[in-house]
Amino acid sequence: MGKQKRARGAAEAPVPAALGEAALGPLAGYVGYALRRAQSASFRHLERSAADPALTPGQFSLLTAIDATPGLNQRRLAEICALDKSTLSPAIDALAARDLVLRTRAPEDARAWALTLTPEGRQALARMRGKVEAQEAVIAAVLATPERKHLVAALRRIEAALDAAD
């Protein structure tokens, strides 16, 4: 198994060697495939360590956005989280059914739902945020700060380029 060194002699972290390249063919060299594997590893790690295993990474994202902007309407939440209505509506329904999110009619548009966290939603978010921050520490152990900043910037450029290519 190969090793990748962090800047300035920091701890080494294992990097999958070859990823079974013979069996994967060209997949091993595709950025999209590497992103999917990293996302899957991130989700697996959170599932193993989550205080609330029923709170998915996607639900964590929704709760975080609602917490940052109480009263946010579902249309704007969908835009922020890059989700379509058919994905967002069932997710909000599930969070409301668990009493994590409260939906009220938006004062500026009676057709829209304004979203806020319930006390239970704030507690679930706090528990999961601790697990996410622990995961971020694991990532920080293998990426020096400049690498992390470059990676996040590159991922944002990839997202923008793929959205623009549609």
N, C-alpha and C. Protein backbone atom coordinates (compact mmCIF):
# COMPACT_ATOMS: atom_id res chain seq x y z
N MET A 1 0.85 -1.18 0.00
CA MET A 1 0.00 0.00 0.00
C MET A 1 0.89 1.23 0.00
N GLY A 2 0.60 2.18 -0.88
CA GLY A 2 1.43 3.37 -0.99
C GLY A 2 1.17 4.36 0.12
N LYS A 3 2.05 5.31 0.26
CA LYS A 3 1.90 6.36 1.27
C LYS A 3 1.96 7.71 0.57
N GLN A 4 1.23 8.67 1.11
CA GLN A 4 1.27 10.04 0.62
C GLN A 4 1.67 10.90 1.79
N LYS A 5 2.72 11.71 1.62
CA LYS A 5 3.19 12.54 2.72
C LYS A 5 2.48 13.87 2.75
N ARG A 6 2.18 14.30 3.95
CA ARG A 6 1.61 15.62 4.17
C ARG A 6 2.74 16.62 4.22
N ALA A 7 2.44 17.84 3.91
CA ALA A 7 3.45 18.89 3.90
C ALA A 7 4.12 19.02 5.26
N ARG A 8 5.35 19.43 5.25
CA ARG A 8 6.14 19.70 6.44
C ARG A 8 6.31 18.50 7.35
N GLY A 9 6.43 17.31 6.79
CA GLY A 9 6.76 16.13 7.57
C GLY A 9 5.67 15.66 8.52
N ALA A 10 4.44 16.04 8.27
CA ALA A 10 3.34 15.61 9.14
C ALA A 10 3.08 14.12 8.95
N ALA A 11 2.12 13.63 9.70
CA ALA A 11 1.80 12.20 9.68
C ALA A 11 1.47 11.72 8.28
N GLU A 12 1.83 10.47 8.03
CA GLU A 12 1.52 9.86 6.75
C GLU A 12 0.18 9.15 6.84
N ALA A 13 -0.54 9.11 5.72
CA ALA A 13 -1.81 8.41 5.68
C ALA A 13 -1.81 7.45 4.51
N PRO A 14 -2.38 6.28 4.70
CA PRO A 14 -2.40 5.32 3.59
C PRO A 14 -3.28 5.82 2.45
N VAL A 15 -2.85 5.55 1.25
CA VAL A 15 -3.61 5.88 0.05
C VAL A 15 -3.84 4.56 -0.68
N PRO A 16 -5.06 4.28 -1.10
CA PRO A 16 -5.30 3.01 -1.79
C PRO A 16 -4.34 2.85 -2.96
N ALA A 17 -3.64 1.75 -2.99
CA ALA A 17 -2.69 1.49 -4.07
C ALA A 17 -3.43 0.87 -5.23
N ALA A 18 -3.43 1.52 -6.33
CA ALA A 18 -3.92 1.03 -7.61
C ALA A 18 -5.43 0.83 -7.68
N LEU A 19 -6.14 0.76 -6.56
CA LEU A 19 -7.60 0.59 -6.55
C LEU A 19 -8.05 -0.55 -7.45
N GLY A 20 -7.27 -1.59 -7.58
CA GLY A 20 -7.67 -2.69 -8.44
C GLY A 20 -7.78 -2.24 -9.88
N GLU A 21 -6.82 -1.45 -10.34
CA GLU A 21 -6.90 -0.81 -11.65
C GLU A 21 -7.16 -1.79 -12.78
N ALA A 22 -6.60 -3.01 -12.70
CA ALA A 22 -6.83 -3.97 -13.77
C ALA A 22 -8.31 -4.31 -13.88
N ALA A 23 -8.98 -4.44 -12.74
CA ALA A 23 -10.41 -4.77 -12.75
C ALA A 23 -11.27 -3.56 -13.08
N LEU A 24 -10.78 -2.37 -12.79
CA LEU A 24 -11.58 -1.16 -12.99
C LEU A 24 -11.44 -0.57 -14.39
N GLY A 25 -10.42 -0.98 -15.11
CA GLY A 25 -10.19 -0.38 -16.41
C GLY A 25 -9.95 1.11 -16.26
N PRO A 26 -10.57 1.92 -17.11
CA PRO A 26 -10.32 3.36 -17.04
C PRO A 26 -10.94 4.06 -15.83
N LEU A 27 -11.84 3.38 -15.10
CA LEU A 27 -12.47 4.03 -13.95
C LEU A 27 -11.47 4.60 -12.97
N ALA A 28 -10.39 3.88 -12.72
CA ALA A 28 -9.41 4.30 -11.71
C ALA A 28 -8.84 5.69 -11.99
N GLY A 29 -8.85 6.12 -13.23
CA GLY A 29 -8.32 7.43 -13.58
C GLY A 29 -9.36 8.52 -13.73
N TYR A 30 -10.65 8.19 -13.56
CA TYR A 30 -11.71 9.18 -13.73
C TYR A 30 -11.90 9.99 -12.45
N VAL A 31 -11.91 11.30 -12.57
CA VAL A 31 -12.12 12.18 -11.43
C VAL A 31 -13.49 11.91 -10.80
N GLY A 32 -14.52 11.78 -11.62
CA GLY A 32 -15.86 11.53 -11.11
C GLY A 32 -15.92 10.26 -10.27
N TYR A 33 -15.22 9.22 -10.70
CA TYR A 33 -15.20 7.97 -9.94
C TYR A 33 -14.47 8.15 -8.62
N ALA A 34 -13.36 8.88 -8.64
CA ALA A 34 -12.62 9.15 -7.40
C ALA A 34 -13.47 9.98 -6.44
N LEU A 35 -14.25 10.92 -6.97
CA LEU A 35 -15.15 11.72 -6.13
C LEU A 35 -16.21 10.83 -5.49
N ARG A 36 -16.78 9.91 -6.27
CA ARG A 36 -17.81 9.02 -5.74
C ARG A 36 -17.25 8.14 -4.65
N ARG A 37 -16.04 7.62 -4.85
CA ARG A 37 -15.43 6.76 -3.82
C ARG A 37 -15.14 7.56 -2.55
N ALA A 38 -14.66 8.79 -2.71
CA ALA A 38 -14.39 9.62 -1.53
C ALA A 38 -15.70 9.94 -0.81
N GLN A 39 -16.75 10.25 -1.56
CA GLN A 39 -18.04 10.53 -0.93
C GLN A 39 -18.55 9.28 -0.21
N SER A 40 -18.44 8.13 -0.83
CA SER A 40 -18.88 6.89 -0.19
C SER A 40 -18.10 6.63 1.09
N ALA A 41 -16.80 6.86 1.06
CA ALA A 41 -15.98 6.68 2.27
C ALA A 41 -16.41 7.65 3.36
N SER A 42 -16.72 8.88 2.96
CA SER A 42 -17.18 9.89 3.92
C SER A 42 -18.49 9.44 4.56
N PHE A 43 -19.42 8.96 3.75
CA PHE A 43 -20.71 8.52 4.28
C PHE A 43 -20.54 7.30 5.19
N ARG A 44 -19.69 6.34 4.78
CA ARG A 44 -19.45 5.14 5.62
C ARG A 44 -18.87 5.55 6.97
N HIS A 45 -17.93 6.48 6.95
CA HIS A 45 -17.30 6.93 8.19
C HIS A 45 -18.34 7.57 9.10
N LEU A 46 -19.19 8.41 8.55
CA LEU A 46 -20.23 9.05 9.36
C LEU A 46 -21.23 8.02 9.90
N GLU A 47 -21.59 7.05 9.09
CA GLU A 47 -22.52 6.02 9.55
C GLU A 47 -21.93 5.25 10.73
N ARG A 48 -20.63 4.97 10.68
CA ARG A 48 -19.99 4.22 11.77
C ARG A 48 -19.91 5.04 13.05
N SER A 49 -19.81 6.36 12.92
CA SER A 49 -19.57 7.18 14.10
C SER A 49 -20.76 8.06 14.52
N ALA A 50 -21.82 8.07 13.73
CA ALA A 50 -22.92 9.00 14.01
C ALA A 50 -23.67 8.65 15.28
N ALA A 51 -23.95 9.69 16.06
CA ALA A 51 -24.76 9.53 17.27
C ALA A 51 -26.21 9.24 16.89
N ASP A 52 -26.64 9.74 15.74
CA ASP A 52 -28.00 9.55 15.27
C ASP A 52 -27.91 8.90 13.89
N PRO A 53 -27.84 7.56 13.84
CA PRO A 53 -27.63 6.90 12.55
C PRO A 53 -28.74 7.15 11.54
N ALA A 54 -29.91 7.60 12.00
CA ALA A 54 -31.00 7.87 11.08
C ALA A 54 -30.86 9.24 10.42
N LEU A 55 -29.90 10.04 10.84
CA LEU A 55 -29.66 11.35 10.24
C LEU A 55 -28.59 11.17 9.17
N THR A 56 -28.99 11.27 7.93
CA THR A 56 -28.06 11.07 6.82
C THR A 56 -27.22 12.32 6.57
N PRO A 57 -26.13 12.19 5.82
CA PRO A 57 -25.36 13.38 5.47
C PRO A 57 -26.22 14.42 4.73
N GLY A 58 -27.13 13.97 3.88
CA GLY A 58 -28.01 14.91 3.19
C GLY A 58 -28.93 15.64 4.14
N GLN A 59 -29.48 14.91 5.12
CA GLN A 59 -30.33 15.55 6.12
C GLN A 59 -29.52 16.51 6.98
N PHE A 60 -28.28 16.14 7.29
CA PHE A 60 -27.40 17.04 8.03
C PHE A 60 -27.23 18.35 7.26
N SER A 61 -27.03 18.25 5.96
CA SER A 61 -26.87 19.46 5.13
C SER A 61 -28.12 20.33 5.19
N LEU A 62 -29.28 19.70 5.08
CA LEU A 62 -30.53 20.46 5.13
C LEU A 62 -30.70 21.14 6.48
N LEU A 63 -30.48 20.39 7.56
CA LEU A 63 -30.62 20.98 8.90
C LEU A 63 -29.63 22.12 9.11
N THR A 64 -28.42 21.97 8.59
CA THR A 64 -27.40 23.02 8.74
C THR A 64 -27.84 24.29 8.03
N ALA A 65 -28.36 24.16 6.81
CA ALA A 65 -28.81 25.33 6.05
C ALA A 65 -30.01 26.00 6.73
N ILE A 66 -30.94 25.20 7.23
CA ILE A 66 -32.10 25.76 7.91
C ILE A 66 -31.66 26.47 9.19
N ASP A 67 -30.72 25.87 9.91
CA ASP A 67 -30.21 26.47 11.14
C ASP A 67 -29.53 27.81 10.84
N ALA A 68 -28.82 27.88 9.73
CA ALA A 68 -28.11 29.11 9.37
C ALA A 68 -29.07 30.23 8.96
N THR A 69 -30.25 29.85 8.45
CA THR A 69 -31.22 30.84 7.99
C THR A 69 -32.62 30.42 8.41
N PRO A 70 -32.97 30.60 9.68
CA PRO A 70 -34.32 30.23 10.12
C PRO A 70 -35.38 30.96 9.30
N GLY A 71 -36.43 30.24 8.92
CA GLY A 71 -37.48 30.82 8.10
C GLY A 71 -37.23 30.67 6.61
N LEU A 72 -36.12 30.04 6.27
CA LEU A 72 -35.77 29.77 4.87
C LEU A 72 -36.92 29.02 4.21
N ASN A 73 -37.27 29.40 2.97
CA ASN A 73 -38.35 28.66 2.32
C ASN A 73 -37.76 27.48 1.53
N GLN A 74 -38.63 26.53 1.22
CA GLN A 74 -38.17 25.30 0.58
C GLN A 74 -37.55 25.55 -0.78
N ARG A 75 -38.07 26.51 -1.54
CA ARG A 75 -37.51 26.80 -2.86
C ARG A 75 -36.06 27.27 -2.74
N ARG A 76 -35.82 28.17 -1.81
CA ARG A 76 -34.45 28.68 -1.62
C ARG A 76 -33.54 27.59 -1.05
N LEU A 77 -34.06 26.75 -0.16
CA LEU A 77 -33.27 25.64 0.38
C LEU A 77 -32.86 24.69 -0.74
N ALA A 78 -33.78 24.42 -1.66
CA ALA A 78 -33.45 23.56 -2.80
C ALA A 78 -32.32 24.17 -3.63
N GLU A 79 -32.36 25.47 -3.86
CA GLU A 79 -31.30 26.15 -4.61
C GLU A 79 -29.97 26.06 -3.88
N ILE A 80 -29.98 26.36 -2.58
CA ILE A 80 -28.75 26.35 -1.79
C ILE A 80 -28.09 24.97 -1.80
N CYS A 81 -28.91 23.94 -1.66
CA CYS A 81 -28.39 22.57 -1.55
C CYS A 81 -28.33 21.86 -2.89
N ALA A 82 -28.64 22.57 -3.98
CA ALA A 82 -28.59 22.01 -5.34
C ALA A 82 -29.45 20.75 -5.46
N LEU A 83 -30.69 20.86 -4.98
CA LEU A 83 -31.64 19.75 -5.05
C LEU A 83 -32.86 20.18 -5.85
N ASP A 84 -33.52 19.21 -6.47
CA ASP A 84 -34.79 19.54 -7.12
C ASP A 84 -35.93 19.29 -6.14
N LYS A 85 -37.09 19.82 -6.48
CA LYS A 85 -38.25 19.74 -5.58
C LYS A 85 -38.62 18.29 -5.27
N SER A 86 -38.50 17.41 -6.25
CA SER A 86 -38.89 16.01 -6.04
C SER A 86 -37.96 15.30 -5.06
N THR A 87 -36.76 15.82 -4.87
CA THR A 87 -35.83 15.27 -3.88
C THR A 87 -36.02 15.94 -2.53
N LEU A 88 -36.19 17.26 -2.56
CA LEU A 88 -36.28 18.02 -1.32
C LEU A 88 -37.58 17.75 -0.55
N SER A 89 -38.69 17.73 -1.23
CA SER A 89 -39.98 17.59 -0.54
C SER A 89 -40.06 16.35 0.34
N PRO A 90 -39.70 15.15 -0.16
CA PRO A 90 -39.75 13.97 0.72
C PRO A 90 -38.75 14.06 1.88
N ALA A 91 -37.62 14.71 1.64
CA ALA A 91 -36.63 14.85 2.71
C ALA A 91 -37.17 15.75 3.82
N ILE A 92 -37.81 16.84 3.44
CA ILE A 92 -38.41 17.73 4.45
C ILE A 92 -39.58 17.04 5.14
N ASP A 93 -40.37 16.29 4.38
CA ASP A 93 -41.46 15.51 4.98
C ASP A 93 -40.92 14.58 6.07
N ALA A 94 -39.82 13.89 5.78
CA ALA A 94 -39.22 12.96 6.74
C ALA A 94 -38.70 13.69 7.97
N LEU A 95 -38.06 14.84 7.77
CA LEU A 95 -37.55 15.61 8.91
C LEU A 95 -38.69 16.17 9.76
N ALA A 96 -39.76 16.59 9.10
CA ALA A 96 -40.93 17.10 9.84
C ALA A 96 -41.61 15.96 10.61
N ALA A 97 -41.69 14.78 10.00
CA ALA A 97 -42.30 13.63 10.67
C ALA A 97 -41.53 13.23 11.92
N ARG A 98 -40.23 13.47 11.91
CA ARG A 98 -39.38 13.16 13.07
C ARG A 98 -39.34 14.32 14.06
N ASP A 99 -40.09 15.37 13.79
CA ASP A 99 -40.17 16.56 14.63
C ASP A 99 -38.81 17.27 14.73
N LEU A 100 -38.07 17.26 13.63
CA LEU A 100 -36.79 17.97 13.57
C LEU A 100 -36.93 19.33 12.90
N VAL A 101 -37.93 19.46 12.03
CA VAL A 101 -38.17 20.69 11.28
C VAL A 101 -39.64 21.07 11.42
N LEU A 102 -39.86 22.36 11.58
CA LEU A 102 -41.22 22.90 11.64
C LEU A 102 -41.47 23.68 10.36
N ARG A 103 -42.59 23.37 9.71
CA ARG A 103 -43.00 24.09 8.49
C ARG A 103 -44.17 25.00 8.84
N THR A 104 -44.01 26.26 8.48
CA THR A 104 -45.10 27.22 8.62
C THR A 104 -45.21 27.98 7.29
N ARG A 105 -46.33 28.57 7.04
CA ARG A 105 -46.49 29.33 5.80
C ARG A 105 -45.59 30.57 5.86
N ALA A 106 -44.88 30.80 4.77
CA ALA A 106 -43.98 31.94 4.69
C ALA A 106 -44.78 33.23 4.66
N PRO A 107 -44.41 34.20 5.46
CA PRO A 107 -45.19 35.45 5.50
C PRO A 107 -45.19 36.19 4.16
N GLU A 108 -44.13 36.08 3.39
CA GLU A 108 -44.03 36.80 2.11
C GLU A 108 -44.74 36.08 0.97
N ASP A 109 -45.07 34.78 1.16
CA ASP A 109 -45.73 33.99 0.12
C ASP A 109 -46.47 32.84 0.78
N ALA A 110 -47.77 32.96 0.89
CA ALA A 110 -48.56 31.96 1.61
C ALA A 110 -48.53 30.59 0.94
N ARG A 111 -48.03 30.50 -0.29
CA ARG A 111 -47.91 29.21 -0.95
C ARG A 111 -46.63 28.48 -0.55
N ALA A 112 -45.68 29.20 0.02
CA ALA A 112 -44.36 28.64 0.34
C ALA A 112 -44.29 28.25 1.81
N TRP A 113 -43.47 27.26 2.10
CA TRP A 113 -43.21 26.84 3.47
C TRP A 113 -41.95 27.51 3.99
N ALA A 114 -42.03 28.09 5.17
CA ALA A 114 -40.86 28.61 5.87
C ALA A 114 -40.41 27.52 6.83
N LEU A 115 -39.14 27.27 6.90
CA LEU A 115 -38.60 26.16 7.68
C LEU A 115 -37.77 26.65 8.86
N THR A 116 -37.99 26.05 10.00
CA THR A 116 -37.16 26.31 11.18
C THR A 116 -36.90 24.97 11.87
N LEU A 117 -35.84 24.95 12.64
CA LEU A 117 -35.54 23.74 13.41
C LEU A 117 -36.35 23.74 14.70
N THR A 118 -36.78 22.58 15.09
CA THR A 118 -37.41 22.40 16.39
C THR A 118 -36.29 22.23 17.42
N PRO A 119 -36.61 22.25 18.70
CA PRO A 119 -35.56 21.96 19.70
C PRO A 119 -34.91 20.59 19.44
N GLU A 120 -35.72 19.60 19.05
CA GLU A 120 -35.17 18.27 18.74
C GLU A 120 -34.26 18.34 17.52
N GLY A 121 -34.62 19.17 16.55
CA GLY A 121 -33.80 19.34 15.35
C GLY A 121 -32.46 19.97 15.69
N ARG A 122 -32.47 20.97 16.58
CA ARG A 122 -31.21 21.60 17.00
C ARG A 122 -30.32 20.59 17.73
N GLN A 123 -30.93 19.75 18.55
CA GLN A 123 -30.15 18.73 19.28
C GLN A 123 -29.55 17.70 18.32
N ALA A 124 -30.36 17.22 17.37
CA ALA A 124 -29.86 16.25 16.39
C ALA A 124 -28.73 16.85 15.56
N LEU A 125 -28.91 18.11 15.17
CA LEU A 125 -27.88 18.80 14.39
C LEU A 125 -26.60 18.93 15.19
N ALA A 126 -26.69 19.31 16.46
CA ALA A 126 -25.50 19.46 17.30
C ALA A 126 -24.76 18.13 17.44
N ARG A 127 -25.51 17.05 17.65
CA ARG A 127 -24.87 15.72 17.78
C ARG A 127 -24.14 15.35 16.49
N MET A 128 -24.81 15.55 15.36
CA MET A 128 -24.21 15.18 14.08
C MET A 128 -23.06 16.11 13.72
N ARG A 129 -23.19 17.40 14.06
CA ARG A 129 -22.11 18.34 13.75
C ARG A 129 -20.81 17.92 14.44
N GLY A 130 -20.92 17.43 15.66
CA GLY A 130 -19.73 16.93 16.35
C GLY A 130 -19.07 15.80 15.60
N LYS A 131 -19.87 14.90 15.03
CA LYS A 131 -19.33 13.77 14.25
C LYS A 131 -18.72 14.26 12.94
N VAL A 132 -19.37 15.23 12.31
CA VAL A 132 -18.85 15.78 11.06
C VAL A 132 -17.53 16.51 11.33
N GLU A 133 -17.46 17.26 12.42
CA GLU A 133 -16.22 17.96 12.74
C GLU A 133 -15.09 16.97 13.08
N ALA A 134 -15.43 15.85 13.70
CA ALA A 134 -14.42 14.81 13.95
C ALA A 134 -13.93 14.24 12.62
N GLN A 135 -14.85 14.05 11.68
CA GLN A 135 -14.46 13.57 10.36
C GLN A 135 -13.56 14.59 9.66
N GLU A 136 -13.89 15.86 9.79
CA GLU A 136 -13.06 16.90 9.19
C GLU A 136 -11.64 16.87 9.77
N ALA A 137 -11.52 16.52 11.04
CA ALA A 137 -10.19 16.40 11.66
C ALA A 137 -9.41 15.24 11.03
N VAL A 138 -10.09 14.15 10.71
CA VAL A 138 -9.43 13.02 10.04
C VAL A 138 -8.93 13.48 8.68
N ILE A 139 -9.75 14.22 7.96
CA ILE A 139 -9.35 14.72 6.65
C ILE A 139 -8.19 15.69 6.78
N ALA A 140 -8.25 16.56 7.79
CA ALA A 140 -7.17 17.54 8.00
C ALA A 140 -5.85 16.85 8.32
N ALA A 141 -5.91 15.64 8.87
CA ALA A 141 -4.68 14.91 9.19
C ALA A 141 -3.95 14.44 7.94
N VAL A 142 -4.66 14.35 6.81
CA VAL A 142 -4.00 13.90 5.58
C VAL A 142 -3.87 15.00 4.53
N LEU A 143 -4.46 16.15 4.79
CA LEU A 143 -4.34 17.28 3.86
C LEU A 143 -3.82 18.50 4.61
N ALA A 144 -2.71 19.03 4.16
CA ALA A 144 -2.22 20.28 4.71
C ALA A 144 -3.23 21.38 4.36
N THR A 145 -3.25 22.45 5.12
CA THR A 145 -4.22 23.53 4.91
C THR A 145 -4.23 24.04 3.47
N PRO A 146 -3.08 24.28 2.84
CA PRO A 146 -3.14 24.74 1.44
C PRO A 146 -3.75 23.68 0.51
N GLU A 147 -3.45 22.41 0.76
CA GLU A 147 -4.04 21.34 -0.06
C GLU A 147 -5.55 21.32 0.08
N ARG A 148 -6.01 21.45 1.30
CA ARG A 148 -7.45 21.44 1.58
C ARG A 148 -8.13 22.59 0.85
N LYS A 149 -7.54 23.79 0.94
CA LYS A 149 -8.12 24.95 0.26
C LYS A 149 -8.15 24.75 -1.25
N HIS A 150 -7.07 24.20 -1.80
CA HIS A 150 -7.02 23.94 -3.25
C HIS A 150 -8.05 22.88 -3.64
N LEU A 151 -8.19 21.85 -2.83
CA LEU A 151 -9.15 20.79 -3.14
C LEU A 151 -10.58 21.34 -3.14
N VAL A 152 -10.94 22.08 -2.12
CA VAL A 152 -12.29 22.64 -2.05
C VAL A 152 -12.52 23.58 -3.23
N ALA A 153 -11.56 24.40 -3.56
CA ALA A 153 -11.70 25.32 -4.69
C ALA A 153 -11.84 24.54 -6.00
N ALA A 154 -11.05 23.50 -6.16
CA ALA A 154 -11.13 22.68 -7.37
C ALA A 154 -12.49 21.99 -7.48
N LEU A 155 -12.99 21.48 -6.38
CA LEU A 155 -14.30 20.83 -6.39
C LEU A 155 -15.41 21.83 -6.75
N ARG A 156 -15.30 23.04 -6.27
CA ARG A 156 -16.29 24.07 -6.62
C ARG A 156 -16.21 24.43 -8.10
N ARG A 157 -14.99 24.47 -8.65
CA ARG A 157 -14.84 24.74 -10.08
C ARG A 157 -15.42 23.60 -10.91
N ILE A 158 -15.21 22.36 -10.46
CA ILE A 158 -15.78 21.21 -11.16
C ILE A 158 -17.30 21.29 -11.15
N GLU A 159 -17.89 21.58 -10.00
CA GLU A 159 -19.34 21.70 -9.90
C GLU A 159 -19.85 22.78 -10.86
N ALA A 160 -19.22 23.94 -10.86
CA ALA A 160 -19.66 25.04 -11.73
C ALA A 160 -19.53 24.66 -13.20
N ALA A 161 -18.43 24.02 -13.56
CA ALA A 161 -18.21 23.65 -14.95
C ALA A 161 -19.25 22.61 -15.40
N LEU A 162 -19.53 21.64 -14.56
CA LEU A 162 -20.51 20.62 -14.94
C LEU A 162 -21.92 21.21 -15.00
N ASP A 163 -22.25 22.11 -14.09
CA ASP A 163 -23.56 22.76 -14.15
C ASP A 163 -23.69 23.62 -15.41
N ALA A 164 -22.62 24.29 -15.78
CA ALA A 164 -22.63 25.14 -16.97
C ALA A 164 -22.67 24.32 -18.26
N ALA A 165 -22.19 23.09 -18.19
CA ALA A 165 -22.14 22.24 -19.39
C ALA A 165 -23.49 21.64 -19.75
N ASP A 166 -24.45 21.74 -18.88
CA ASP A 166 -25.79 21.15 -19.15
C ASP A 166 -26.51 21.90 -20.24
